Amino acid sequence: MKFARGCPAGLLLSAAAVLLPCRSLGAAVTPLQKAVQMLEGMLQAGKEEKHQEQLQYAVFERFCIDTSADKQRTISEADSQLEMLRAEIQKHGTEADRLSAEIVGHEAKTTSLENDTEAAAVVRAAERADYEAMHLNYSESIHALTEAITHLKRTAYDKKGDDAALVQRVLPALGRLPASS
């Protein structure tokens, strides 16, 4: 039997004596068996912990799968909504451009109508001045005629020779007009 260098032989023998079953002392379990039992207990505890960790991992994995699927669905819905909003923004942008062009057209028409209104006001003022002058002229003429008629009615009486003053009556008498006229 070889011994390790520097290791006293007595020490090795005492270790062997401890490790070998002592039947003479009546011990039922040896320290080696206790160590094996302890290791077997640790193995069982390790297996139980491993099983518990696998169960916990399965729960976490299921949570992650469910959450991931939910998040993917949420992202997909958000992408769809984003596309709808982009399309709506584009539609409203096009509508805004169309309405802006319409506004420009309406502003041009409004400016044109305002200019036409101003021109019509100038023409109307000129026509009104012409009307006022014509009305004044007609009014003065009517007034003068009314005055003349009134004067004639006041001075109207039978005068001798009034009939002779008419050319149609005087000329036949003078023999210059034919009697058939």
N, C-alpha and C. Protein backbone atom coordinates (compact mmCIF):
# COMPACT_ATOMS: atom_id res chain seq x y z
N MET A 1 0.82 -1.16 0.00
CA MET A 1 0.00 0.00 0.00
C MET A 1 0.87 1.23 0.00
N LYS A 2 0.52 2.15 -0.88
CA LYS A 2 1.30 3.37 -0.97
C LYS A 2 0.53 4.48 -0.29
N PHE A 3 1.25 5.30 0.35
CA PHE A 3 0.63 6.44 1.03
C PHE A 3 1.05 7.72 0.35
N ALA A 4 0.24 8.65 0.48
CA ALA A 4 0.58 9.94 -0.11
C ALA A 4 1.75 10.51 0.62
N ARG A 5 2.53 11.20 -0.09
CA ARG A 5 3.74 11.78 0.44
C ARG A 5 3.43 12.82 1.50
N GLY A 6 4.04 12.75 2.57
CA GLY A 6 3.88 13.68 3.66
C GLY A 6 2.64 13.43 4.47
N CYS A 7 1.93 12.34 4.20
CA CYS A 7 0.69 12.06 4.90
C CYS A 7 1.00 10.93 5.89
N PRO A 8 0.84 11.13 7.12
CA PRO A 8 1.17 10.07 8.08
C PRO A 8 0.25 8.87 7.92
N ALA A 9 0.75 7.77 8.06
CA ALA A 9 0.01 6.53 7.89
C ALA A 9 -1.07 6.39 8.93
N GLY A 10 -0.89 6.91 10.04
CA GLY A 10 -1.88 6.81 11.11
C GLY A 10 -3.14 7.59 10.77
N LEU A 11 -2.95 8.65 10.10
CA LEU A 11 -4.09 9.48 9.73
C LEU A 11 -4.97 8.74 8.73
N LEU A 12 -4.35 8.09 7.78
CA LEU A 12 -5.10 7.34 6.79
C LEU A 12 -5.82 6.16 7.43
N LEU A 13 -5.19 5.53 8.32
CA LEU A 13 -5.82 4.40 8.98
C LEU A 13 -7.00 4.86 9.83
N SER A 14 -6.86 5.96 10.45
CA SER A 14 -7.96 6.44 11.28
C SER A 14 -9.15 6.85 10.41
N ALA A 15 -8.86 7.40 9.23
CA ALA A 15 -9.94 7.77 8.31
C ALA A 15 -10.64 6.52 7.81
N ALA A 16 -9.88 5.48 7.52
CA ALA A 16 -10.47 4.23 7.05
C ALA A 16 -11.30 3.61 8.15
N ALA A 17 -10.85 3.74 9.34
CA ALA A 17 -11.58 3.17 10.45
C ALA A 17 -12.91 3.90 10.65
N VAL A 18 -12.90 5.16 10.41
CA VAL A 18 -14.13 5.94 10.58
C VAL A 18 -15.11 5.60 9.46
N LEU A 19 -14.57 5.42 8.29
CA LEU A 19 -15.43 5.19 7.15
C LEU A 19 -15.97 3.76 7.10
N LEU A 20 -15.26 2.81 7.59
CA LEU A 20 -15.73 1.43 7.57
C LEU A 20 -16.78 1.24 8.66
N PRO A 21 -17.73 0.39 8.36
CA PRO A 21 -18.79 0.21 9.36
C PRO A 21 -18.21 -0.39 10.65
N CYS A 22 -18.70 0.17 11.65
CA CYS A 22 -18.26 -0.30 12.96
C CYS A 22 -19.34 -1.20 13.53
N ARG A 23 -19.12 -2.49 13.41
CA ARG A 23 -20.11 -3.42 13.89
C ARG A 23 -19.96 -3.64 15.38
N SER A 24 -18.82 -3.38 15.76
CA SER A 24 -18.59 -3.65 17.17
C SER A 24 -19.29 -2.59 18.03
N LEU A 25 -19.48 -1.36 17.51
CA LEU A 25 -20.12 -0.32 18.29
C LEU A 25 -21.64 -0.40 18.16
N GLY A 26 -22.10 -1.13 17.16
CA GLY A 26 -23.54 -1.32 16.96
C GLY A 26 -24.18 -0.15 16.24
N ALA A 27 -23.40 0.61 15.49
CA ALA A 27 -23.96 1.75 14.75
C ALA A 27 -24.69 1.22 13.54
N ALA A 28 -25.92 1.69 13.31
CA ALA A 28 -26.72 1.21 12.20
C ALA A 28 -26.38 1.93 10.91
N VAL A 29 -25.99 3.20 10.98
CA VAL A 29 -25.72 3.97 9.78
C VAL A 29 -24.31 4.53 9.90
N THR A 30 -23.59 4.32 8.82
CA THR A 30 -22.21 4.82 8.82
C THR A 30 -22.22 6.26 8.29
N PRO A 31 -21.16 6.98 8.54
CA PRO A 31 -21.08 8.36 8.03
C PRO A 31 -21.11 8.40 6.51
N LEU A 32 -20.56 7.40 5.86
CA LEU A 32 -20.60 7.37 4.40
C LEU A 32 -22.05 7.22 3.93
N GLN A 33 -22.76 6.37 4.59
CA GLN A 33 -24.16 6.20 4.24
C GLN A 33 -24.93 7.49 4.51
N LYS A 34 -24.57 8.18 5.59
CA LYS A 34 -25.22 9.46 5.89
C LYS A 34 -24.91 10.47 4.79
N ALA A 35 -23.68 10.46 4.32
CA ALA A 35 -23.30 11.38 3.25
C ALA A 35 -24.07 11.03 1.98
N VAL A 36 -24.21 9.72 1.69
CA VAL A 36 -24.96 9.29 0.51
C VAL A 36 -26.43 9.67 0.67
N GLN A 37 -26.97 9.46 1.85
CA GLN A 37 -28.36 9.85 2.10
C GLN A 37 -28.55 11.36 1.93
N MET A 38 -27.59 12.10 2.45
CA MET A 38 -27.65 13.55 2.33
C MET A 38 -27.59 13.97 0.86
N LEU A 39 -26.70 13.32 0.09
CA LEU A 39 -26.59 13.63 -1.34
C LEU A 39 -27.87 13.22 -2.08
N GLU A 40 -28.44 12.07 -1.72
CA GLU A 40 -29.71 11.65 -2.33
C GLU A 40 -30.82 12.64 -1.98
N GLY A 41 -30.84 13.13 -0.76
CA GLY A 41 -31.82 14.14 -0.35
C GLY A 41 -31.64 15.43 -1.14
N MET A 42 -30.37 15.80 -1.33
CA MET A 42 -30.08 17.01 -2.11
C MET A 42 -30.52 16.80 -3.56
N LEU A 43 -30.30 15.56 -4.08
CA LEU A 43 -30.72 15.25 -5.44
C LEU A 43 -32.24 15.37 -5.56
N GLN A 44 -32.98 14.81 -4.61
CA GLN A 44 -34.44 14.91 -4.61
C GLN A 44 -34.88 16.37 -4.52
N ALA A 45 -34.25 17.11 -3.63
CA ALA A 45 -34.60 18.53 -3.48
C ALA A 45 -34.29 19.29 -4.77
N GLY A 46 -33.17 18.96 -5.40
CA GLY A 46 -32.80 19.60 -6.67
C GLY A 46 -33.81 19.28 -7.76
N LYS A 47 -34.22 17.98 -7.81
CA LYS A 47 -35.21 17.58 -8.81
C LYS A 47 -36.54 18.30 -8.55
N GLU A 48 -36.93 18.39 -7.28
CA GLU A 48 -38.19 19.07 -6.94
C GLU A 48 -38.12 20.56 -7.30
N GLU A 49 -36.99 21.18 -6.99
CA GLU A 49 -36.80 22.60 -7.35
C GLU A 49 -36.82 22.77 -8.86
N LYS A 50 -36.17 21.82 -9.56
CA LYS A 50 -36.15 21.89 -11.02
C LYS A 50 -37.57 21.78 -11.57
N HIS A 51 -38.36 20.84 -11.00
CA HIS A 51 -39.73 20.67 -11.44
C HIS A 51 -40.55 21.95 -11.16
N GLN A 52 -40.37 22.53 -9.98
CA GLN A 52 -41.07 23.78 -9.64
C GLN A 52 -40.66 24.91 -10.59
N GLU A 53 -39.36 24.97 -10.88
CA GLU A 53 -38.88 26.00 -11.80
C GLU A 53 -39.45 25.78 -13.21
N GLN A 54 -39.56 24.50 -13.63
CA GLN A 54 -40.15 24.21 -14.93
C GLN A 54 -41.62 24.63 -14.98
N LEU A 55 -42.33 24.36 -13.89
CA LEU A 55 -43.73 24.80 -13.82
C LEU A 55 -43.83 26.33 -13.86
N GLN A 56 -42.99 26.98 -13.07
CA GLN A 56 -42.98 28.45 -13.05
C GLN A 56 -42.59 29.00 -14.42
N TYR A 57 -41.60 28.35 -15.04
CA TYR A 57 -41.17 28.77 -16.38
C TYR A 57 -42.31 28.61 -17.38
N ALA A 58 -43.07 27.50 -17.27
CA ALA A 58 -44.19 27.27 -18.17
C ALA A 58 -45.25 28.36 -18.00
N VAL A 59 -45.49 28.76 -16.74
CA VAL A 59 -46.45 29.84 -16.48
C VAL A 59 -45.95 31.13 -17.10
N PHE A 60 -44.68 31.45 -16.87
CA PHE A 60 -44.10 32.67 -17.44
C PHE A 60 -44.09 32.62 -18.97
N GLU A 61 -43.76 31.43 -19.50
CA GLU A 61 -43.72 31.28 -20.96
C GLU A 61 -45.12 31.49 -21.54
N ARG A 62 -46.16 30.92 -20.90
CA ARG A 62 -47.54 31.08 -21.36
C ARG A 62 -47.93 32.56 -21.30
N PHE A 63 -47.54 33.23 -20.19
CA PHE A 63 -47.82 34.66 -20.05
C PHE A 63 -47.15 35.44 -21.17
N CYS A 64 -45.88 35.11 -21.44
CA CYS A 64 -45.15 35.81 -22.50
C CYS A 64 -45.78 35.56 -23.87
N ILE A 65 -46.18 34.32 -24.13
CA ILE A 65 -46.80 33.99 -25.42
C ILE A 65 -48.13 34.74 -25.56
N ASP A 66 -48.95 34.69 -24.49
CA ASP A 66 -50.24 35.40 -24.53
C ASP A 66 -50.04 36.90 -24.67
N THR A 67 -49.13 37.44 -23.89
CA THR A 67 -48.86 38.88 -23.94
C THR A 67 -48.30 39.26 -25.29
N SER A 68 -47.41 38.42 -25.81
CA SER A 68 -46.82 38.70 -27.12
C SER A 68 -47.89 38.69 -28.20
N ALA A 69 -48.79 37.72 -28.15
CA ALA A 69 -49.88 37.65 -29.13
C ALA A 69 -50.78 38.87 -29.00
N ASP A 70 -51.09 39.24 -27.75
CA ASP A 70 -51.93 40.42 -27.51
C ASP A 70 -51.24 41.68 -28.02
N LYS A 71 -49.95 41.79 -27.76
CA LYS A 71 -49.20 42.97 -28.21
C LYS A 71 -49.12 42.99 -29.74
N GLN A 72 -48.94 41.84 -30.35
CA GLN A 72 -48.90 41.77 -31.82
C GLN A 72 -50.25 42.20 -32.41
N ARG A 73 -51.33 41.73 -31.78
CA ARG A 73 -52.67 42.11 -32.23
C ARG A 73 -52.87 43.62 -32.04
N THR A 74 -52.45 44.14 -30.90
CA THR A 74 -52.57 45.58 -30.64
C THR A 74 -51.76 46.38 -31.65
N ILE A 75 -50.55 45.91 -31.94
CA ILE A 75 -49.69 46.59 -32.91
C ILE A 75 -50.33 46.54 -34.29
N SER A 76 -50.89 45.38 -34.64
CA SER A 76 -51.56 45.25 -35.94
C SER A 76 -52.75 46.19 -36.04
N GLU A 77 -53.56 46.26 -34.98
CA GLU A 77 -54.70 47.18 -34.97
C GLU A 77 -54.22 48.62 -35.06
N ALA A 78 -53.15 48.95 -34.33
CA ALA A 78 -52.62 50.32 -34.37
C ALA A 78 -52.10 50.65 -35.77
N ASP A 79 -51.45 49.67 -36.41
CA ASP A 79 -50.97 49.90 -37.78
C ASP A 79 -52.15 50.15 -38.73
N SER A 80 -53.21 49.35 -38.57
CA SER A 80 -54.40 49.54 -39.41
C SER A 80 -55.01 50.91 -39.17
N GLN A 81 -55.11 51.27 -37.89
CA GLN A 81 -55.67 52.58 -37.55
C GLN A 81 -54.77 53.69 -38.08
N LEU A 82 -53.47 53.49 -38.01
CA LEU A 82 -52.52 54.48 -38.52
C LEU A 82 -52.70 54.66 -40.02
N GLU A 83 -52.86 53.56 -40.73
CA GLU A 83 -53.09 53.65 -42.18
C GLU A 83 -54.40 54.37 -42.48
N MET A 84 -55.44 54.07 -41.70
CA MET A 84 -56.72 54.74 -41.90
C MET A 84 -56.57 56.24 -41.63
N LEU A 85 -55.85 56.58 -40.58
CA LEU A 85 -55.66 58.00 -40.26
C LEU A 85 -54.83 58.70 -41.32
N ARG A 86 -53.83 58.00 -41.84
CA ARG A 86 -53.03 58.60 -42.92
C ARG A 86 -53.90 58.85 -44.16
N ALA A 87 -54.75 57.87 -44.48
CA ALA A 87 -55.65 58.04 -45.63
C ALA A 87 -56.61 59.19 -45.38
N GLU A 88 -57.11 59.28 -44.16
CA GLU A 88 -58.03 60.37 -43.83
C GLU A 88 -57.32 61.72 -43.89
N ILE A 89 -56.08 61.77 -43.41
CA ILE A 89 -55.29 63.00 -43.49
C ILE A 89 -55.10 63.40 -44.94
N GLN A 90 -54.77 62.41 -45.78
CA GLN A 90 -54.57 62.70 -47.20
C GLN A 90 -55.88 63.20 -47.83
N LYS A 91 -56.98 62.55 -47.47
CA LYS A 91 -58.29 62.95 -48.00
C LYS A 91 -58.60 64.39 -47.58
N HIS A 92 -58.38 64.69 -46.30
CA HIS A 92 -58.66 66.05 -45.82
C HIS A 92 -57.70 67.06 -46.43
N GLY A 93 -56.47 66.65 -46.68
CA GLY A 93 -55.51 67.54 -47.35
C GLY A 93 -55.97 67.87 -48.75
N THR A 94 -56.44 66.85 -49.47
CA THR A 94 -56.97 67.07 -50.82
C THR A 94 -58.19 67.97 -50.78
N GLU A 95 -59.06 67.72 -49.81
CA GLU A 95 -60.26 68.55 -49.65
C GLU A 95 -59.88 69.99 -49.32
N ALA A 96 -58.87 70.16 -48.47
CA ALA A 96 -58.41 71.51 -48.12
C ALA A 96 -57.84 72.22 -49.34
N ASP A 97 -57.09 71.49 -50.16
CA ASP A 97 -56.55 72.09 -51.39
C ASP A 97 -57.68 72.52 -52.33
N ARG A 98 -58.68 71.65 -52.47
CA ARG A 98 -59.81 71.97 -53.34
C ARG A 98 -60.56 73.19 -52.82
N LEU A 99 -60.79 73.21 -51.50
CA LEU A 99 -61.51 74.34 -50.92
C LEU A 99 -60.69 75.62 -50.99
N SER A 100 -59.37 75.51 -50.87
CA SER A 100 -58.51 76.69 -51.00
C SER A 100 -58.62 77.26 -52.41
N ALA A 101 -58.62 76.37 -53.40
CA ALA A 101 -58.78 76.83 -54.79
C ALA A 101 -60.15 77.47 -54.98
N GLU A 102 -61.18 76.89 -54.36
CA GLU A 102 -62.52 77.46 -54.44
C GLU A 102 -62.56 78.83 -53.79
N ILE A 103 -61.88 78.97 -52.66
CA ILE A 103 -61.84 80.25 -51.95
C ILE A 103 -61.19 81.31 -52.83
N VAL A 104 -60.09 80.93 -53.48
CA VAL A 104 -59.41 81.88 -54.37
C VAL A 104 -60.37 82.31 -55.49
N GLY A 105 -61.09 81.35 -56.05
CA GLY A 105 -62.06 81.67 -57.10
C GLY A 105 -63.17 82.58 -56.59
N HIS A 106 -63.67 82.28 -55.38
CA HIS A 106 -64.72 83.12 -54.81
C HIS A 106 -64.21 84.52 -54.49
N GLU A 107 -62.98 84.61 -54.01
CA GLU A 107 -62.40 85.92 -53.72
C GLU A 107 -62.26 86.73 -55.01
N ALA A 108 -61.83 86.07 -56.09
CA ALA A 108 -61.71 86.77 -57.37
C ALA A 108 -63.09 87.23 -57.85
N LYS A 109 -64.08 86.36 -57.71
CA LYS A 109 -65.44 86.73 -58.12
C LYS A 109 -65.96 87.88 -57.26
N THR A 110 -65.69 87.83 -55.96
CA THR A 110 -66.12 88.89 -55.06
C THR A 110 -65.48 90.22 -55.45
N THR A 111 -64.18 90.18 -55.74
CA THR A 111 -63.48 91.40 -56.16
C THR A 111 -64.08 91.93 -57.46
N SER A 112 -64.36 91.03 -58.40
CA SER A 112 -64.97 91.43 -59.67
C SER A 112 -66.34 92.06 -59.43
N LEU A 113 -67.14 91.43 -58.57
CA LEU A 113 -68.47 91.96 -58.29
C LEU A 113 -68.39 93.31 -57.57
N GLU A 114 -67.42 93.46 -56.67
CA GLU A 114 -67.25 94.74 -55.99
C GLU A 114 -66.88 95.83 -57.00
N ASN A 115 -65.98 95.49 -57.92
CA ASN A 115 -65.61 96.45 -58.97
C ASN A 115 -66.81 96.79 -59.84
N ASP A 116 -67.60 95.75 -60.20
CA ASP A 116 -68.80 95.99 -60.99
C ASP A 116 -69.79 96.87 -60.23
N THR A 117 -69.91 96.64 -58.93
CA THR A 117 -70.81 97.44 -58.10
C THR A 117 -70.37 98.90 -58.08
N GLU A 118 -69.06 99.11 -57.92
CA GLU A 118 -68.53 100.47 -57.92
C GLU A 118 -68.77 101.14 -59.28
N ALA A 119 -68.52 100.41 -60.36
CA ALA A 119 -68.75 100.96 -61.70
C ALA A 119 -70.23 101.25 -61.91
N ALA A 120 -71.09 100.35 -61.45
CA ALA A 120 -72.54 100.56 -61.58
C ALA A 120 -72.97 101.77 -60.76
N ALA A 121 -72.35 101.97 -59.60
CA ALA A 121 -72.68 103.14 -58.77
C ALA A 121 -72.30 104.43 -59.50
N VAL A 122 -71.14 104.42 -60.17
CA VAL A 122 -70.72 105.60 -60.93
C VAL A 122 -71.69 105.85 -62.08
N VAL A 123 -72.04 104.79 -62.82
CA VAL A 123 -73.00 104.92 -63.93
C VAL A 123 -74.34 105.39 -63.40
N ARG A 124 -74.77 104.81 -62.28
CA ARG A 124 -76.06 105.18 -61.67
C ARG A 124 -76.05 106.64 -61.28
N ALA A 125 -74.95 107.12 -60.71
CA ALA A 125 -74.86 108.53 -60.33
C ALA A 125 -74.96 109.42 -61.57
N ALA A 126 -74.28 109.04 -62.64
CA ALA A 126 -74.34 109.83 -63.88
C ALA A 126 -75.76 109.80 -64.46
N GLU A 127 -76.38 108.61 -64.47
CA GLU A 127 -77.74 108.50 -64.99
C GLU A 127 -78.71 109.30 -64.12
N ARG A 128 -78.49 109.26 -62.81
CA ARG A 128 -79.36 110.03 -61.91
C ARG A 128 -79.22 111.52 -62.18
N ALA A 129 -77.98 111.98 -62.39
CA ALA A 129 -77.77 113.40 -62.70
C ALA A 129 -78.47 113.76 -64.01
N ASP A 130 -78.36 112.88 -65.02
CA ASP A 130 -79.04 113.12 -66.29
C ASP A 130 -80.56 113.16 -66.08
N TYR A 131 -81.05 112.20 -65.29
CA TYR A 131 -82.49 112.16 -65.01
C TYR A 131 -82.93 113.42 -64.29
N GLU A 132 -82.16 113.83 -63.30
CA GLU A 132 -82.53 115.03 -62.54
C GLU A 132 -82.61 116.23 -63.48
N ALA A 133 -81.62 116.36 -64.38
CA ALA A 133 -81.61 117.48 -65.33
C ALA A 133 -82.81 117.39 -66.27
N MET A 134 -83.08 116.17 -66.79
CA MET A 134 -84.21 115.99 -67.70
C MET A 134 -85.52 116.25 -66.97
N HIS A 135 -85.63 115.75 -65.74
CA HIS A 135 -86.84 115.94 -64.95
C HIS A 135 -87.06 117.43 -64.68
N LEU A 136 -86.00 118.13 -64.36
CA LEU A 136 -86.11 119.57 -64.13
C LEU A 136 -86.57 120.28 -65.41
N ASN A 137 -85.97 119.87 -66.53
CA ASN A 137 -86.34 120.47 -67.82
C ASN A 137 -87.81 120.20 -68.13
N TYR A 138 -88.24 118.92 -67.98
CA TYR A 138 -89.64 118.58 -68.24
C TYR A 138 -90.56 119.31 -67.26
N SER A 139 -90.15 119.34 -66.01
CA SER A 139 -90.99 120.02 -65.02
C SER A 139 -91.16 121.49 -65.37
N GLU A 140 -90.05 122.13 -65.76
CA GLU A 140 -90.13 123.55 -66.15
C GLU A 140 -90.99 123.71 -67.39
N SER A 141 -90.85 122.77 -68.36
CA SER A 141 -91.66 122.84 -69.58
C SER A 141 -93.13 122.67 -69.26
N ILE A 142 -93.45 121.68 -68.42
CA ILE A 142 -94.84 121.43 -68.04
C ILE A 142 -95.39 122.64 -67.30
N HIS A 143 -94.56 123.18 -66.41
CA HIS A 143 -94.99 124.35 -65.66
C HIS A 143 -95.27 125.52 -66.62
N ALA A 144 -94.37 125.70 -67.59
CA ALA A 144 -94.56 126.80 -68.55
C ALA A 144 -95.81 126.57 -69.38
N LEU A 145 -96.04 125.31 -69.81
CA LEU A 145 -97.25 125.00 -70.58
C LEU A 145 -98.50 125.23 -69.74
N THR A 146 -98.43 124.80 -68.49
CA THR A 146 -99.57 124.99 -67.60
C THR A 146 -99.87 126.48 -67.45
N GLU A 147 -98.82 127.24 -67.26
CA GLU A 147 -98.99 128.69 -67.14
C GLU A 147 -99.57 129.27 -68.44
N ALA A 148 -99.07 128.79 -69.57
CA ALA A 148 -99.55 129.31 -70.86
C ALA A 148 -101.01 128.94 -71.07
N ILE A 149 -101.37 127.69 -70.73
CA ILE A 149 -102.77 127.26 -70.89
C ILE A 149 -103.66 128.09 -69.97
N THR A 150 -103.20 128.28 -68.76
CA THR A 150 -103.98 129.09 -67.82
C THR A 150 -104.15 130.50 -68.37
N HIS A 151 -103.07 131.05 -68.88
CA HIS A 151 -103.13 132.41 -69.45
C HIS A 151 -104.08 132.45 -70.65
N LEU A 152 -104.01 131.43 -71.51
CA LEU A 152 -104.88 131.39 -72.68
C LEU A 152 -106.34 131.24 -72.27
N LYS A 153 -106.59 130.46 -71.26
CA LYS A 153 -107.97 130.27 -70.80
C LYS A 153 -108.51 131.57 -70.22
N ARG A 154 -107.65 132.31 -69.57
CA ARG A 154 -108.10 133.58 -69.02
C ARG A 154 -108.38 134.59 -70.12
N THR A 155 -107.62 134.53 -71.14
CA THR A 155 -107.77 135.50 -72.22
C THR A 155 -108.61 134.96 -73.37
N ALA A 156 -109.20 133.81 -73.22
CA ALA A 156 -109.97 133.21 -74.31
C ALA A 156 -111.36 133.84 -74.36
N TYR A 157 -111.66 134.44 -75.44
CA TYR A 157 -112.98 135.00 -75.72
C TYR A 157 -113.10 135.10 -77.23
N ASP A 158 -114.30 135.28 -77.72
CA ASP A 158 -114.53 135.36 -79.17
C ASP A 158 -114.06 136.70 -79.68
N LYS A 159 -113.22 136.61 -80.64
CA LYS A 159 -112.73 137.81 -81.30
C LYS A 159 -113.14 137.71 -82.75
N LYS A 160 -113.53 138.82 -83.26
CA LYS A 160 -113.86 138.85 -84.66
C LYS A 160 -112.61 138.68 -85.44
N GLY A 161 -112.72 137.94 -86.44
CA GLY A 161 -111.58 137.75 -87.32
C GLY A 161 -110.71 136.59 -86.91
N ASP A 162 -111.04 135.95 -85.84
CA ASP A 162 -110.24 134.79 -85.43
C ASP A 162 -110.37 133.70 -86.47
N ASP A 163 -111.59 133.56 -87.01
CA ASP A 163 -111.76 132.54 -88.03
C ASP A 163 -111.00 132.90 -89.28
N ALA A 164 -110.90 134.15 -89.57
CA ALA A 164 -110.21 134.58 -90.78
C ALA A 164 -108.72 134.41 -90.64
N ALA A 165 -108.26 134.26 -89.46
CA ALA A 165 -106.83 134.12 -89.26
C ALA A 165 -106.35 132.73 -89.65
N LEU A 166 -107.26 131.81 -89.70
CA LEU A 166 -106.85 130.47 -90.08
C LEU A 166 -106.59 130.43 -91.56
N VAL A 167 -105.52 129.86 -91.97
CA VAL A 167 -105.08 129.83 -93.35
C VAL A 167 -106.07 129.04 -94.19
N GLN A 168 -106.61 127.94 -93.67
CA GLN A 168 -107.52 127.13 -94.45
C GLN A 168 -108.78 127.92 -94.80
N ARG A 169 -109.13 128.85 -94.02
CA ARG A 169 -110.33 129.62 -94.30
C ARG A 169 -110.03 130.85 -95.15
N VAL A 170 -108.83 131.33 -94.99
CA VAL A 170 -108.49 132.56 -95.72
C VAL A 170 -108.15 132.22 -97.16
N LEU A 171 -107.41 131.21 -97.43
CA LEU A 171 -106.95 130.89 -98.77
C LEU A 171 -108.10 130.53 -99.72
N PRO A 172 -109.09 129.76 -99.36
CA PRO A 172 -110.16 129.53 -100.31
C PRO A 172 -110.90 130.83 -100.65
N ALA A 173 -110.93 131.65 -99.67
CA ALA A 173 -111.60 132.92 -99.96
C ALA A 173 -110.79 133.73 -100.94
N LEU A 174 -109.50 133.58 -100.91
CA LEU A 174 -108.65 134.31 -101.83
C LEU A 174 -108.57 133.59 -103.16
N GLY A 175 -109.00 132.42 -103.26
CA GLY A 175 -109.01 131.67 -104.48
C GLY A 175 -107.71 130.96 -104.77
N ARG A 176 -106.92 130.80 -103.86
CA ARG A 176 -105.65 130.13 -104.11
C ARG A 176 -105.74 128.64 -103.85
N LEU A 177 -106.58 128.18 -103.06
CA LEU A 177 -106.70 126.75 -102.76
C LEU A 177 -107.92 126.20 -103.47
N PRO A 178 -107.81 125.01 -103.99
CA PRO A 178 -108.98 124.43 -104.60
C PRO A 178 -110.02 124.13 -103.52
N ALA A 179 -111.23 124.11 -103.85
CA ALA A 179 -112.33 123.92 -102.92
C ALA A 179 -112.39 122.48 -102.43
N SER A 180 -111.81 121.56 -103.17
CA SER A 180 -111.87 120.15 -102.78
C SER A 180 -110.94 119.85 -101.60
N SER A 181 -110.04 120.68 -101.28
CA SER A 181 -109.10 120.38 -100.20
C SER A 181 -109.72 120.62 -98.93
